Amino acid sequence: MLCERCGQEVDSIKCQRCGEMILGLGSFCYRCGNELEALPREPKEDPGGLDFSNRVLCSDGTCIGVINEEGTCKVCGKPYTPDA
C-alpha cells in the first residue's frame, strides 16, 4: 500500500476492530482508534547503505542538520565549528 503522504510503499494491515486495510505506521488504527497488535516485522535493509555512525551534527545548538563534505551544515549552511 502506498503512503498517502509521501508515496512510498508501506506495509498494510487489517484492523481487528473495524476491518479496514490501513497503513501499518503506528500502534493505533487511524480509522477507529483501536490499538493494533504488534506485527512481527523483518528488519528492512538499508537500500542506500547509509552509515550514520560517522555523521557530524551541526555545531549550531539550535539546528538539526549534519555537516556535509564541504564542512557546512546541510540545513542552515553555517560552517562547522568544533569548539561550539
N, C-alpha and C. Protein backbone atom coordinates (compact mmCIF):
# COMPACT_ATOMS: atom_id res chain seq x y z
N MET A 1 0.85 -1.17 0.00
CA MET A 1 0.00 0.00 0.00
C MET A 1 0.90 1.24 0.00
N LEU A 2 0.51 2.28 -0.71
CA LEU A 2 1.31 3.49 -0.78
C LEU A 2 0.92 4.46 0.33
N CYS A 3 1.91 5.09 0.95
CA CYS A 3 1.67 6.10 1.97
C CYS A 3 0.95 7.28 1.31
N GLU A 4 -0.12 7.74 1.96
CA GLU A 4 -0.90 8.85 1.42
C GLU A 4 -0.14 10.16 1.44
N ARG A 5 0.90 10.24 2.26
CA ARG A 5 1.64 11.48 2.42
C ARG A 5 2.88 11.56 1.55
N CYS A 6 3.71 10.50 1.60
CA CYS A 6 4.99 10.55 0.88
C CYS A 6 5.03 9.70 -0.38
N GLY A 7 4.06 8.80 -0.56
CA GLY A 7 4.01 7.98 -1.75
C GLY A 7 4.89 6.75 -1.74
N GLN A 8 5.57 6.47 -0.61
CA GLN A 8 6.42 5.29 -0.54
C GLN A 8 5.61 4.06 -0.16
N GLU A 9 6.12 2.90 -0.53
CA GLU A 9 5.46 1.64 -0.22
C GLU A 9 5.57 1.37 1.29
N VAL A 10 4.42 1.06 1.92
CA VAL A 10 4.36 0.78 3.35
C VAL A 10 3.53 -0.48 3.55
N ASP A 11 3.89 -1.30 4.54
CA ASP A 11 3.12 -2.48 4.84
C ASP A 11 1.71 -2.09 5.24
N SER A 12 0.73 -2.85 4.79
CA SER A 12 -0.65 -2.59 5.19
C SER A 12 -1.11 -3.72 6.10
N ILE A 13 -2.02 -3.40 6.99
CA ILE A 13 -2.57 -4.38 7.92
C ILE A 13 -4.07 -4.20 8.00
N LYS A 14 -4.75 -5.22 8.48
CA LYS A 14 -6.19 -5.15 8.64
C LYS A 14 -6.48 -4.93 10.12
N CYS A 15 -7.25 -3.88 10.41
CA CYS A 15 -7.62 -3.58 11.78
C CYS A 15 -8.54 -4.68 12.30
N GLN A 16 -8.29 -5.16 13.52
CA GLN A 16 -9.08 -6.24 14.09
C GLN A 16 -10.49 -5.78 14.47
N ARG A 17 -10.66 -4.48 14.73
CA ARG A 17 -11.97 -3.98 15.15
C ARG A 17 -12.84 -3.58 13.95
N CYS A 18 -12.36 -2.66 13.11
CA CYS A 18 -13.20 -2.13 12.04
C CYS A 18 -13.04 -2.87 10.72
N GLY A 19 -11.98 -3.69 10.58
CA GLY A 19 -11.80 -4.48 9.38
C GLY A 19 -11.20 -3.72 8.20
N GLU A 20 -10.86 -2.44 8.38
CA GLU A 20 -10.28 -1.64 7.30
C GLU A 20 -8.82 -2.02 7.08
N MET A 21 -8.39 -2.02 5.81
CA MET A 21 -6.98 -2.18 5.50
C MET A 21 -6.34 -0.80 5.64
N ILE A 22 -5.36 -0.71 6.52
CA ILE A 22 -4.71 0.57 6.80
C ILE A 22 -3.20 0.43 6.70
N LEU A 23 -2.53 1.56 6.62
CA LEU A 23 -1.07 1.56 6.62
C LEU A 23 -0.56 1.16 7.99
N GLY A 24 0.41 0.29 8.04
CA GLY A 24 0.96 -0.18 9.30
C GLY A 24 2.03 0.77 9.82
N LEU A 25 1.64 2.00 10.12
CA LEU A 25 2.60 3.02 10.53
C LEU A 25 2.61 3.30 12.02
N GLY A 26 1.61 2.87 12.74
CA GLY A 26 1.54 3.22 14.15
C GLY A 26 0.97 2.10 14.98
N SER A 27 0.70 2.41 16.24
CA SER A 27 0.18 1.43 17.18
C SER A 27 -1.34 1.42 17.24
N PHE A 28 -1.97 2.39 16.57
CA PHE A 28 -3.42 2.50 16.61
C PHE A 28 -3.98 2.64 15.21
N CYS A 29 -5.19 2.15 15.00
CA CYS A 29 -5.89 2.30 13.73
C CYS A 29 -6.29 3.75 13.57
N TYR A 30 -5.96 4.35 12.44
CA TYR A 30 -6.30 5.76 12.23
C TYR A 30 -7.73 5.92 11.72
N ARG A 31 -8.46 4.84 11.56
CA ARG A 31 -9.88 4.91 11.19
C ARG A 31 -10.78 4.87 12.43
N CYS A 32 -10.49 3.93 13.37
CA CYS A 32 -11.38 3.76 14.52
C CYS A 32 -10.70 3.95 15.87
N GLY A 33 -9.36 4.02 15.91
CA GLY A 33 -8.65 4.25 17.16
C GLY A 33 -8.28 2.99 17.93
N ASN A 34 -8.61 1.83 17.39
CA ASN A 34 -8.30 0.57 18.05
C ASN A 34 -6.79 0.37 18.16
N GLU A 35 -6.33 -0.15 19.31
CA GLU A 35 -4.90 -0.45 19.45
C GLU A 35 -4.60 -1.70 18.63
N LEU A 36 -3.60 -1.61 17.78
CA LEU A 36 -3.25 -2.69 16.88
C LEU A 36 -2.27 -3.66 17.54
N GLU A 37 -2.39 -4.91 17.17
CA GLU A 37 -1.46 -5.91 17.67
C GLU A 37 -0.11 -5.69 17.00
N ALA A 38 0.95 -5.92 17.74
CA ALA A 38 2.30 -5.77 17.18
C ALA A 38 2.51 -6.83 16.11
N LEU A 39 2.99 -6.39 14.97
CA LEU A 39 3.25 -7.30 13.87
C LEU A 39 4.71 -7.73 13.88
N PRO A 40 4.96 -9.02 13.68
CA PRO A 40 6.36 -9.41 13.53
C PRO A 40 6.87 -8.88 12.20
N ARG A 41 7.89 -8.07 12.24
CA ARG A 41 8.41 -7.45 11.03
C ARG A 41 9.86 -7.83 10.82
N GLU A 42 10.17 -8.03 9.57
CA GLU A 42 11.56 -8.28 9.22
C GLU A 42 12.28 -6.94 9.16
N PRO A 43 13.49 -6.86 9.67
CA PRO A 43 14.21 -5.60 9.53
C PRO A 43 14.46 -5.32 8.05
N LYS A 44 14.13 -4.12 7.63
CA LYS A 44 14.32 -3.75 6.24
C LYS A 44 15.77 -3.36 6.02
N GLU A 45 16.29 -3.84 4.90
CA GLU A 45 17.66 -3.50 4.56
C GLU A 45 17.73 -2.04 4.12
N ASP A 46 18.84 -1.42 4.46
CA ASP A 46 19.06 -0.03 4.06
C ASP A 46 19.51 -0.02 2.61
N PRO A 47 18.64 0.43 1.69
CA PRO A 47 18.99 0.37 0.27
C PRO A 47 20.18 1.24 -0.11
N GLY A 48 20.40 2.31 0.61
CA GLY A 48 21.49 3.20 0.27
C GLY A 48 22.78 2.86 0.97
N GLY A 49 22.74 1.93 1.89
CA GLY A 49 23.93 1.58 2.64
C GLY A 49 24.44 2.74 3.48
N LEU A 50 23.52 3.55 4.01
CA LEU A 50 23.91 4.73 4.78
C LEU A 50 24.53 4.32 6.11
N ASP A 51 25.58 5.01 6.49
CA ASP A 51 26.27 4.76 7.75
C ASP A 51 26.16 6.03 8.59
N PHE A 52 25.29 6.00 9.60
CA PHE A 52 25.07 7.17 10.44
C PHE A 52 26.07 7.28 11.59
N SER A 53 26.93 6.29 11.76
CA SER A 53 27.86 6.31 12.89
C SER A 53 28.94 7.38 12.75
N ASN A 54 29.22 7.84 11.55
CA ASN A 54 30.29 8.83 11.34
C ASN A 54 29.77 10.23 11.05
N ARG A 55 28.47 10.46 11.19
CA ARG A 55 27.93 11.78 10.87
C ARG A 55 28.35 12.81 11.92
N VAL A 56 28.48 14.03 11.49
CA VAL A 56 28.85 15.14 12.38
C VAL A 56 27.67 16.10 12.41
N LEU A 57 27.14 16.32 13.60
CA LEU A 57 26.00 17.21 13.75
C LEU A 57 26.42 18.66 13.68
N CYS A 58 25.50 19.51 13.26
CA CYS A 58 25.75 20.95 13.16
C CYS A 58 26.17 21.50 14.52
N SER A 59 27.14 22.37 14.52
CA SER A 59 27.64 22.94 15.78
C SER A 59 26.74 24.04 16.32
N ASP A 60 25.78 24.52 15.52
CA ASP A 60 24.80 25.49 16.00
C ASP A 60 23.81 24.74 16.88
N GLY A 61 23.70 25.08 18.11
CA GLY A 61 22.88 24.36 19.07
C GLY A 61 21.39 24.34 18.77
N THR A 62 20.93 25.16 17.84
CA THR A 62 19.51 25.20 17.52
C THR A 62 19.17 24.52 16.21
N CYS A 63 20.17 24.02 15.49
CA CYS A 63 19.96 23.41 14.17
C CYS A 63 19.96 21.89 14.29
N ILE A 64 19.20 21.23 13.43
CA ILE A 64 19.14 19.76 13.44
C ILE A 64 19.92 19.13 12.29
N GLY A 65 20.67 19.92 11.56
CA GLY A 65 21.37 19.43 10.37
C GLY A 65 22.65 18.67 10.68
N VAL A 66 23.24 18.12 9.62
CA VAL A 66 24.52 17.44 9.69
C VAL A 66 25.49 18.13 8.74
N ILE A 67 26.76 17.95 9.00
CA ILE A 67 27.81 18.60 8.22
C ILE A 67 28.09 17.78 6.96
N ASN A 68 28.16 18.46 5.82
CA ASN A 68 28.43 17.79 4.54
C ASN A 68 29.93 17.72 4.28
N GLU A 69 30.29 17.22 3.11
CA GLU A 69 31.69 17.04 2.75
C GLU A 69 32.46 18.35 2.66
N GLU A 70 31.76 19.45 2.38
CA GLU A 70 32.41 20.77 2.27
C GLU A 70 32.61 21.43 3.63
N GLY A 71 32.12 20.82 4.71
CA GLY A 71 32.30 21.37 6.05
C GLY A 71 31.21 22.35 6.47
N THR A 72 30.09 22.37 5.74
CA THR A 72 28.98 23.25 6.12
C THR A 72 27.75 22.41 6.41
N CYS A 73 26.83 22.99 7.17
CA CYS A 73 25.61 22.30 7.55
C CYS A 73 24.68 22.18 6.35
N LYS A 74 24.07 21.01 6.18
CA LYS A 74 23.15 20.78 5.07
C LYS A 74 21.82 21.51 5.26
N VAL A 75 21.51 21.94 6.48
CA VAL A 75 20.23 22.61 6.75
C VAL A 75 20.39 24.12 6.78
N CYS A 76 21.29 24.61 7.65
CA CYS A 76 21.40 26.06 7.83
C CYS A 76 22.54 26.68 7.03
N GLY A 77 23.46 25.86 6.53
CA GLY A 77 24.55 26.37 5.71
C GLY A 77 25.73 26.96 6.46
N LYS A 78 25.67 26.94 7.79
CA LYS A 78 26.78 27.50 8.57
C LYS A 78 27.97 26.55 8.54
N PRO A 79 29.19 27.09 8.58
CA PRO A 79 30.38 26.24 8.64
C PRO A 79 30.48 25.57 9.99
N TYR A 80 31.05 24.36 10.00
CA TYR A 80 31.21 23.61 11.25
C TYR A 80 32.27 24.26 12.12
N THR A 81 31.94 24.46 13.38
CA THR A 81 32.87 25.00 14.39
C THR A 81 32.99 23.96 15.50
N PRO A 82 34.10 23.21 15.54
CA PRO A 82 34.22 22.12 16.50
C PRO A 82 34.17 22.55 17.96
N ASP A 83 34.54 23.77 18.28
CA ASP A 83 34.59 24.22 19.67
C ASP A 83 33.26 24.80 20.15
N ALA A 84 32.26 24.82 19.30
CA ALA A 84 30.99 25.46 19.66
C ALA A 84 30.19 24.63 20.62
